[in-house]
Amino acid sequence: MQLTQPLIWLLLFGQLFKNVAQLPGFGGASYIDYLAPGVLVMNTLFSNGWSGTAYIVDMERGVLDRFLVAPARRSSFLIGQLAYWAVLTIIQSIILIGIALLVGARFAGGAVSLLALIAGAVLLGLSMASFSNALALRLRQQETVIAANVMLVLPLCFLSSTFLPTTLMPEWIQTVARYNPVNWAVEIGRQTLDAGVDWGIVLSRLGWLAALAALLGWLAVRSFRAYQRSV
């Protein structure tokens, strides 16, 4: 069911705005080619943003309190959940790439560049899942976690090159996009469209996403320990 929304974006939005690719400065790629990596990244945000709701349910059912008395490292609970979301992101990304190929997208960068895109999506997903977990453990309200997911995803996507090249955006959005982690993942995806992959861009963006994932993972662990002290 989580793939329903990205399919709508890819199949309907991609067809509705396909003539956007004819704008001067767009870059020559078809719009379905251009949109496919962005939709993959956007799906990663949406799906991983629900991670914290699982903690809310576990709190309400008393499951999380039972975990706290288990003879295991507290970080292992977070790591296990993040591993689940990483595997789910990989599976969904492969499916979306397959669908994009079926509807006409072409990734001239080859298989290695696609693997880099999936790696970027996983790192971005881990960041989003960790942030969602931290919110859940700190605020303990499902409505807040859901609202944060909804309020963050679309603005972050629109403030990136998900739908349009940054050269066609207002200058202030271009500035924001430089520091937007969603744009970092999308920029990795853009390299899949060109046979001459700029690996400097790919590796630098992967590095930034890895640093962000580590920072938010640390925040989630601290939030878990804060929850433990409060019960």
C-alpha atoms as a PDB file:
ATOM      1  CA  MET A   1       0.000   0.000   0.000  1.00  0.00           C
ATOM      2  CA  GLN A   2       2.929   2.362   0.637  1.00  0.00           C
ATOM      3  CA  LEU A   3       3.748   2.180  -3.073  1.00  0.00           C
ATOM      4  CA  THR A   4       0.342   3.533  -4.104  1.00  0.00           C
ATOM      5  CA  GLN A   5       1.250   7.196  -3.684  1.00  0.00           C
ATOM      6  CA  PRO A   6       4.597   7.068  -5.551  1.00  0.00           C
ATOM      7  CA  LEU A   7       2.869   5.228  -8.399  1.00  0.00           C
ATOM      8  CA  ILE A   8       0.351   8.075  -8.647  1.00  0.00           C
ATOM      9  CA  TRP A   9       3.189  10.621  -8.757  1.00  0.00           C
ATOM     10  CA  LEU A  10       5.162   8.615 -11.296  1.00  0.00           C
ATOM     11  CA  LEU A  11       2.347   7.586 -13.644  1.00  0.00           C
ATOM     12  CA  LEU A  12      -0.113  10.489 -13.410  1.00  0.00           C
ATOM     13  CA  PHE A  13       2.065  13.452 -12.442  1.00  0.00           C
ATOM     14  CA  GLY A  14       4.727  12.303 -14.883  1.00  0.00           C
ATOM     15  CA  GLN A  15       2.236  12.217 -17.761  1.00  0.00           C
ATOM     16  CA  LEU A  16       0.453  15.425 -16.799  1.00  0.00           C
ATOM     17  CA  PHE A  17       3.633  17.509 -16.757  1.00  0.00           C
ATOM     18  CA  LYS A  18       5.666  15.672 -19.408  1.00  0.00           C
ATOM     19  CA  ASN A  19       5.841  18.810 -21.574  1.00  0.00           C
ATOM     20  CA  VAL A  20       7.774  20.561 -18.813  1.00  0.00           C
ATOM     21  CA  ALA A  21      10.850  18.840 -20.222  1.00  0.00           C
ATOM     22  CA  GLN A  22      10.610  21.146 -23.274  1.00  0.00           C
ATOM     23  CA  LEU A  23      11.330  24.247 -21.182  1.00  0.00           C
ATOM     24  CA  PRO A  24      14.643  25.978 -21.985  1.00  0.00           C
ATOM     25  CA  GLY A  25      17.256  24.948 -19.460  1.00  0.00           C
ATOM     26  CA  PHE A  26      15.568  21.707 -18.468  1.00  0.00           C
ATOM     27  CA  GLY A  27      18.464  19.626 -19.677  1.00  0.00           C
ATOM     28  CA  GLY A  28      17.143  17.407 -22.455  1.00  0.00           C
ATOM     29  CA  ALA A  29      15.936  14.383 -20.448  1.00  0.00           C
ATOM     30  CA  SER A  30      12.345  13.228 -20.720  1.00  0.00           C
ATOM     31  CA  TYR A  31      10.245  14.180 -17.733  1.00  0.00           C
ATOM     32  CA  ILE A  32       9.619  10.558 -16.736  1.00  0.00           C
ATOM     33  CA  ASP A  33      13.408  10.042 -16.661  1.00  0.00           C
ATOM     34  CA  TYR A  34      13.828  13.171 -14.575  1.00  0.00           C
ATOM     35  CA  LEU A  35      10.957  12.431 -12.194  1.00  0.00           C
ATOM     36  CA  ALA A  36      11.706   8.774 -11.420  1.00  0.00           C
ATOM     37  CA  PRO A  37      14.662   9.316  -9.023  1.00  0.00           C
ATOM     38  CA  GLY A  38      12.771  12.113  -7.243  1.00  0.00           C
ATOM     39  CA  VAL A  39       9.707   9.927  -6.717  1.00  0.00           C
ATOM     40  CA  LEU A  40      11.919   7.179  -5.305  1.00  0.00           C
ATOM     41  CA  VAL A  41      13.437   9.629  -2.817  1.00  0.00           C
ATOM     42  CA  MET A  42      10.024  11.062  -1.903  1.00  0.00           C
ATOM     43  CA  ASN A  43       8.652   7.577  -1.251  1.00  0.00           C
ATOM     44  CA  THR A  44      11.571   6.945   1.089  1.00  0.00           C
ATOM     45  CA  LEU A  45      10.618  10.002   3.139  1.00  0.00           C
ATOM     46  CA  PHE A  46       6.954   9.082   3.343  1.00  0.00           C
ATOM     47  CA  SER A  47       7.471   5.450   4.329  1.00  0.00           C
ATOM     48  CA  ASN A  48      10.291   5.960   6.848  1.00  0.00           C
ATOM     49  CA  GLY A  49       8.493   8.903   8.435  1.00  0.00           C
ATOM     50  CA  TRP A  50       5.985   6.471   9.947  1.00  0.00           C
ATOM     51  CA  SER A  51       8.688   4.712  11.955  1.00  0.00           C
ATOM     52  CA  GLY A  52       7.925   6.559  15.196  1.00  0.00           C
ATOM     53  CA  THR A  53       4.285   5.476  15.210  1.00  0.00           C
ATOM     54  CA  ALA A  54       5.424   1.921  15.963  1.00  0.00           C
ATOM     55  CA  TYR A  55       7.013   3.164  19.193  1.00  0.00           C
ATOM     56  CA  ILE A  56       3.797   4.931  20.160  1.00  0.00           C
ATOM     57  CA  VAL A  57       1.855   1.691  19.712  1.00  0.00           C
ATOM     58  CA  ASP A  58       4.474  -0.226  21.716  1.00  0.00           C
ATOM     59  CA  MET A  59       4.228   2.354  24.513  1.00  0.00           C
ATOM     60  CA  GLU A  60       0.443   2.107  24.636  1.00  0.00           C
ATOM     61  CA  ARG A  61       0.522  -1.700  24.741  1.00  0.00           C
ATOM     62  CA  GLY A  62       3.331  -1.897  27.305  1.00  0.00           C
ATOM     63  CA  VAL A  63       5.665  -3.667  24.884  1.00  0.00           C
ATOM     64  CA  LEU A  64       8.359  -1.003  25.103  1.00  0.00           C
ATOM     65  CA  ASP A  65       8.450  -1.219  28.905  1.00  0.00           C
ATOM     66  CA  ARG A  66       9.037  -4.966  28.642  1.00  0.00           C
ATOM     67  CA  PHE A  67      11.899  -4.335  26.235  1.00  0.00           C
ATOM     68  CA  LEU A  68      13.518  -2.096  28.841  1.00  0.00           C
ATOM     69  CA  VAL A  69      13.934  -4.979  31.295  1.00  0.00           C
ATOM     70  CA  ALA A  70      15.343  -7.326  28.647  1.00  0.00           C
ATOM     71  CA  PRO A  71      19.077  -8.221  28.976  1.00  0.00           C
ATOM     72  CA  ALA A  72      20.050  -6.411  25.769  1.00  0.00           C
ATOM     73  CA  ARG A  73      21.704  -3.185  24.743  1.00  0.00           C
ATOM     74  CA  ARG A  74      19.161  -0.386  24.407  1.00  0.00           C
ATOM     75  CA  SER A  75      20.613   0.704  21.073  1.00  0.00           C
ATOM     76  CA  SER A  76      19.888  -2.751  19.631  1.00  0.00           C
ATOM     77  CA  PHE A  77      16.145  -2.033  19.692  1.00  0.00           C
ATOM     78  CA  LEU A  78      16.654   1.058  17.563  1.00  0.00           C
ATOM     79  CA  ILE A  79      19.176  -0.609  15.276  1.00  0.00           C
ATOM     80  CA  GLY A  80      16.843  -3.553  14.675  1.00  0.00           C
ATOM     81  CA  GLN A  81      13.980  -1.276  13.705  1.00  0.00           C
ATOM     82  CA  LEU A  82      16.173   0.865  11.466  1.00  0.00           C
ATOM     83  CA  ALA A  83      17.438  -2.286   9.733  1.00  0.00           C
ATOM     84  CA  TYR A  84      13.816  -3.202   8.986  1.00  0.00           C
ATOM     85  CA  TRP A  85      13.180   0.208   7.393  1.00  0.00           C
ATOM     86  CA  ALA A  86      16.440  -0.026   5.416  1.00  0.00           C
ATOM     87  CA  VAL A  87      15.441  -3.400   3.942  1.00  0.00           C
ATOM     88  CA  LEU A  88      11.955  -2.088   3.171  1.00  0.00           C
ATOM     89  CA  THR A  89      13.456   0.965   1.432  1.00  0.00           C
ATOM     90  CA  ILE A  90      15.681  -1.249  -0.718  1.00  0.00           C
ATOM     91  CA  ILE A  91      12.755  -3.453  -1.763  1.00  0.00           C
ATOM     92  CA  GLN A  92      10.503  -0.491  -2.556  1.00  0.00           C
ATOM     93  CA  SER A  93      13.283   1.267  -4.479  1.00  0.00           C
ATOM     94  CA  ILE A  94      13.914  -1.784  -6.662  1.00  0.00           C
ATOM     95  CA  ILE A  95      10.196  -2.053  -7.405  1.00  0.00           C
ATOM     96  CA  LEU A  96       9.948   1.648  -8.305  1.00  0.00           C
ATOM     97  CA  ILE A  97      13.005   1.445 -10.570  1.00  0.00           C
ATOM     98  CA  GLY A  98      11.429  -1.543 -12.322  1.00  0.00           C
ATOM     99  CA  ILE A  99       8.139   0.304 -12.815  1.00  0.00           C
ATOM    100  CA  ALA A 100       9.984   3.387 -14.082  1.00  0.00           C
ATOM    101  CA  LEU A 101      11.749   1.233 -16.661  1.00  0.00           C
ATOM    102  CA  LEU A 102       8.422  -0.265 -17.745  1.00  0.00           C
ATOM    103  CA  VAL A 103       6.901   3.184 -18.366  1.00  0.00           C
ATOM    104  CA  GLY A 104       9.853   4.349 -20.423  1.00  0.00           C
ATOM    105  CA  ALA A 105      12.489   5.738 -18.050  1.00  0.00           C
ATOM    106  CA  ARG A 106      16.103   5.126 -19.031  1.00  0.00           C
ATOM    107  CA  PHE A 107      19.038   5.229 -16.644  1.00  0.00           C
ATOM    108  CA  ALA A 108      22.122   5.796 -18.784  1.00  0.00           C
ATOM    109  CA  GLY A 109      24.372   5.905 -15.715  1.00  0.00           C
ATOM    110  CA  GLY A 110      24.109   2.140 -15.373  1.00  0.00           C
ATOM    111  CA  ALA A 111      23.636  -0.299 -12.529  1.00  0.00           C
ATOM    112  CA  VAL A 112      26.331   1.148 -10.246  1.00  0.00           C
ATOM    113  CA  SER A 113      24.736   4.589 -10.305  1.00  0.00           C
ATOM    114  CA  LEU A 114      21.373   3.001  -9.461  1.00  0.00           C
ATOM    115  CA  LEU A 115      22.974   1.229  -6.503  1.00  0.00           C
ATOM    116  CA  ALA A 116      24.325   4.601  -5.372  1.00  0.00           C
ATOM    117  CA  LEU A 117      20.802   6.058  -5.642  1.00  0.00           C
ATOM    118  CA  ILE A 118      19.402   3.233  -3.498  1.00  0.00           C
ATOM    119  CA  ALA A 119      22.219   3.756  -0.967  1.00  0.00           C
ATOM    120  CA  GLY A 120      21.370   7.459  -0.813  1.00  0.00           C
ATOM    121  CA  ALA A 121      17.690   6.629  -0.338  1.00  0.00           C
ATOM    122  CA  VAL A 122      18.535   4.233   2.495  1.00  0.00           C
ATOM    123  CA  LEU A 123      20.670   6.844   4.274  1.00  0.00           C
ATOM    124  CA  LEU A 124      17.975   9.487   3.871  1.00  0.00           C
ATOM    125  CA  GLY A 125      15.385   6.982   5.098  1.00  0.00           C
ATOM    126  CA  LEU A 126      17.461   6.162   8.162  1.00  0.00           C
ATOM    127  CA  SER A 127      17.673   9.876   8.938  1.00  0.00           C
ATOM    128  CA  MET A 128      13.922  10.299   8.624  1.00  0.00           C
ATOM    129  CA  ALA A 129      13.172   7.164  10.644  1.00  0.00           C
ATOM    130  CA  SER A 130      15.558   8.227  13.417  1.00  0.00           C
ATOM    131  CA  PHE A 131      13.978  11.685  13.536  1.00  0.00           C
ATOM    132  CA  SER A 132      10.515  10.134  13.690  1.00  0.00           C
ATOM    133  CA  ASN A 133      11.642   7.786  16.485  1.00  0.00           C
ATOM    134  CA  ALA A 134      13.131  10.663  18.464  1.00  0.00           C
ATOM    135  CA  LEU A 135       9.876  12.617  18.172  1.00  0.00           C
ATOM    136  CA  ALA A 136       7.857   9.627  19.311  1.00  0.00           C
ATOM    137  CA  LEU A 137      10.089   8.920  22.308  1.00  0.00           C
ATOM    138  CA  ARG A 138      10.180  12.561  23.383  1.00  0.00           C
ATOM    139  CA  LEU A 139       6.588  13.652  22.735  1.00  0.00           C
ATOM    140  CA  ARG A 140       4.753  10.294  22.956  1.00  0.00           C
ATOM    141  CA  GLN A 141       1.840  11.457  20.829  1.00  0.00           C
ATOM    142  CA  GLN A 142       0.953   9.657  17.620  1.00  0.00           C
ATOM    143  CA  GLU A 143      -0.839  12.703  16.201  1.00  0.00           C
ATOM    144  CA  THR A 144       2.341  14.781  16.531  1.00  0.00           C
ATOM    145  CA  VAL A 145       4.476  12.189  14.766  1.00  0.00           C
ATOM    146  CA  ILE A 146       1.969  11.870  11.919  1.00  0.00           C
ATOM    147  CA  ALA A 147       1.619  15.654  11.591  1.00  0.00           C
ATOM    148  CA  ALA A 148       5.394  16.107  11.504  1.00  0.00           C
ATOM    149  CA  ASN A 149       5.674  13.492   8.755  1.00  0.00           C
ATOM    150  CA  VAL A 150       2.987  15.151   6.630  1.00  0.00           C
ATOM    151  CA  MET A 151       4.260  18.694   7.236  1.00  0.00           C
ATOM    152  CA  LEU A 152       7.897  17.907   6.470  1.00  0.00           C
ATOM    153  CA  VAL A 153       7.821  15.642   3.432  1.00  0.00           C
ATOM    154  CA  LEU A 154       6.158  17.804   0.775  1.00  0.00           C
ATOM    155  CA  PRO A 155       7.933  21.082   1.702  1.00  0.00           C
ATOM    156  CA  LEU A 156      11.292  19.284   1.694  1.00  0.00           C
ATOM    157  CA  CYS A 157      10.508  17.803  -1.729  1.00  0.00           C
ATOM    158  CA  PHE A 158       9.308  21.087  -3.219  1.00  0.00           C
ATOM    159  CA  LEU A 159      12.423  22.820  -1.857  1.00  0.00           C
ATOM    160  CA  SER A 160      14.601  20.451  -3.848  1.00  0.00           C
ATOM    161  CA  SER A 161      15.098  19.437  -7.465  1.00  0.00           C
ATOM    162  CA  THR A 162      12.587  16.591  -7.156  1.00  0.00           C
ATOM    163  CA  PHE A 163      10.210  18.071  -9.745  1.00  0.00           C
ATOM    164  CA  LEU A 164      12.299  20.724 -11.532  1.00  0.00           C
ATOM    165  CA  PRO A 165      15.990  21.532 -12.053  1.00  0.00           C
ATOM    166  CA  THR A 166      17.247  24.121  -9.602  1.00  0.00           C
ATOM    167  CA  THR A 167      18.135  26.412 -12.531  1.00  0.00           C
ATOM    168  CA  LEU A 168      14.393  26.918 -13.137  1.00  0.00           C
ATOM    169  CA  MET A 169      13.654  27.753  -9.494  1.00  0.00           C
ATOM    170  CA  PRO A 170      13.576  31.112  -7.683  1.00  0.00           C
ATOM    171  CA  GLU A 171      16.954  32.040  -6.256  1.00  0.00           C
ATOM    172  CA  TRP A 172      15.885  31.617  -2.633  1.00  0.00           C
ATOM    173  CA  ILE A 173      14.741  28.040  -3.287  1.00  0.00           C
ATOM    174  CA  GLN A 174      18.075  27.319  -4.971  1.00  0.00           C
ATOM    175  CA  THR A 175      19.804  28.498  -1.792  1.00  0.00           C
ATOM    176  CA  VAL A 176      17.630  26.335   0.463  1.00  0.00           C
ATOM    177  CA  ALA A 177      18.100  23.325  -1.830  1.00  0.00           C
ATOM    178  CA  ARG A 178      21.869  23.400  -1.308  1.00  0.00           C
ATOM    179  CA  TYR A 179      21.356  22.520   2.356  1.00  0.00           C
ATOM    180  CA  ASN A 180      18.327  20.262   1.907  1.00  0.00           C
ATOM    181  CA  PRO A 181      19.178  16.567   2.493  1.00  0.00           C
ATOM    182  CA  VAL A 182      16.332  15.572   0.167  1.00  0.00           C
ATOM    183  CA  ASN A 183      18.090  17.464  -2.611  1.00  0.00           C
ATOM    184  CA  TRP A 184      21.345  15.652  -1.817  1.00  0.00           C
ATOM    185  CA  ALA A 185      19.627  12.301  -2.432  1.00  0.00           C
ATOM    186  CA  VAL A 186      17.889  13.621  -5.560  1.00  0.00           C
ATOM    187  CA  GLU A 187      21.217  14.905  -6.919  1.00  0.00           C
ATOM    188  CA  ILE A 188      22.575  11.360  -6.607  1.00  0.00           C
ATOM    189  CA  GLY A 189      19.527  10.204  -8.560  1.00  0.00           C
ATOM    190  CA  ARG A 190      20.138  12.750 -11.297  1.00  0.00           C
ATOM    191  CA  GLN A 191      23.517  11.111 -11.989  1.00  0.00           C
ATOM    192  CA  THR A 192      21.721   7.907 -13.025  1.00  0.00           C
ATOM    193  CA  LEU A 193      20.398   9.750 -16.096  1.00  0.00           C
ATOM    194  CA  ASP A 194      23.786  10.563 -17.628  1.00  0.00           C
ATOM    195  CA  ALA A 195      26.314   8.067 -18.951  1.00  0.00           C
ATOM    196  CA  GLY A 196      29.054  10.388 -17.676  1.00  0.00           C
ATOM    197  CA  VAL A 197      28.372   9.989 -13.965  1.00  0.00           C
ATOM    198  CA  ASP A 198      30.020  12.637 -11.779  1.00  0.00           C
ATOM    199  CA  TRP A 199      31.204  10.404  -8.950  1.00  0.00           C
ATOM    200  CA  GLY A 200      32.479  13.416  -7.036  1.00  0.00           C
ATOM    201  CA  ILE A 201      28.874  14.592  -6.625  1.00  0.00           C
ATOM    202  CA  VAL A 202      27.660  11.078  -5.799  1.00  0.00           C
ATOM    203  CA  LEU A 203      30.291  10.368  -3.131  1.00  0.00           C
ATOM    204  CA  SER A 204      30.081  13.817  -1.517  1.00  0.00           C
ATOM    205  CA  ARG A 205      26.290  13.613  -1.241  1.00  0.00           C
ATOM    206  CA  LEU A 206      26.498  10.089   0.162  1.00  0.00           C
ATOM    207  CA  GLY A 207      28.975  11.370   2.742  1.00  0.00           C
ATOM    208  CA  TRP A 208      26.677  14.199   3.807  1.00  0.00           C
ATOM    209  CA  LEU A 209      23.711  11.837   4.061  1.00  0.00           C
ATOM    210  CA  ALA A 210      25.752   9.357   6.108  1.00  0.00           C
ATOM    211  CA  ALA A 211      26.764  12.147   8.519  1.00  0.00           C
ATOM    212  CA  LEU A 212      23.132  13.233   8.870  1.00  0.00           C
ATOM    213  CA  ALA A 213      21.997   9.633   9.476  1.00  0.00           C
ATOM    214  CA  ALA A 214      24.657   9.225  12.188  1.00  0.00           C
ATOM    215  CA  LEU A 215      23.661  12.491  13.873  1.00  0.00           C
ATOM    216  CA  LEU A 216      19.935  11.712  13.925  1.00  0.00           C
ATOM    217  CA  GLY A 217      20.651   8.115  14.947  1.00  0.00           C
ATOM    218  CA  TRP A 218      22.559   9.472  17.951  1.00  0.00           C
ATOM    219  CA  LEU A 219      19.594  11.739  18.728  1.00  0.00           C
ATOM    220  CA  ALA A 220      17.228   8.762  18.622  1.00  0.00           C
ATOM    221  CA  VAL A 221      19.444   6.783  21.038  1.00  0.00           C
ATOM    222  CA  ARG A 222      19.541   9.746  23.422  1.00  0.00           C
ATOM    223  CA  SER A 223      15.748  10.005  23.188  1.00  0.00           C
ATOM    224  CA  PHE A 224      15.405   6.300  23.977  1.00  0.00           C
ATOM    225  CA  ARG A 225      17.546   6.724  27.083  1.00  0.00           C
ATOM    226  CA  ALA A 226      15.491   9.781  28.111  1.00  0.00           C
ATOM    227  CA  TYR A 227      12.333   7.688  27.796  1.00  0.00           C
ATOM    228  CA  GLN A 228      13.909   4.943  29.880  1.00  0.00           C
ATOM    229  CA  ARG A 229      14.761   7.366  32.688  1.00  0.00           C
ATOM    230  CA  SER A 230      11.178   8.654  32.741  1.00  0.00           C
ATOM    231  CA  VAL A 231       9.476   5.298  33.360  1.00  0.00           C
END
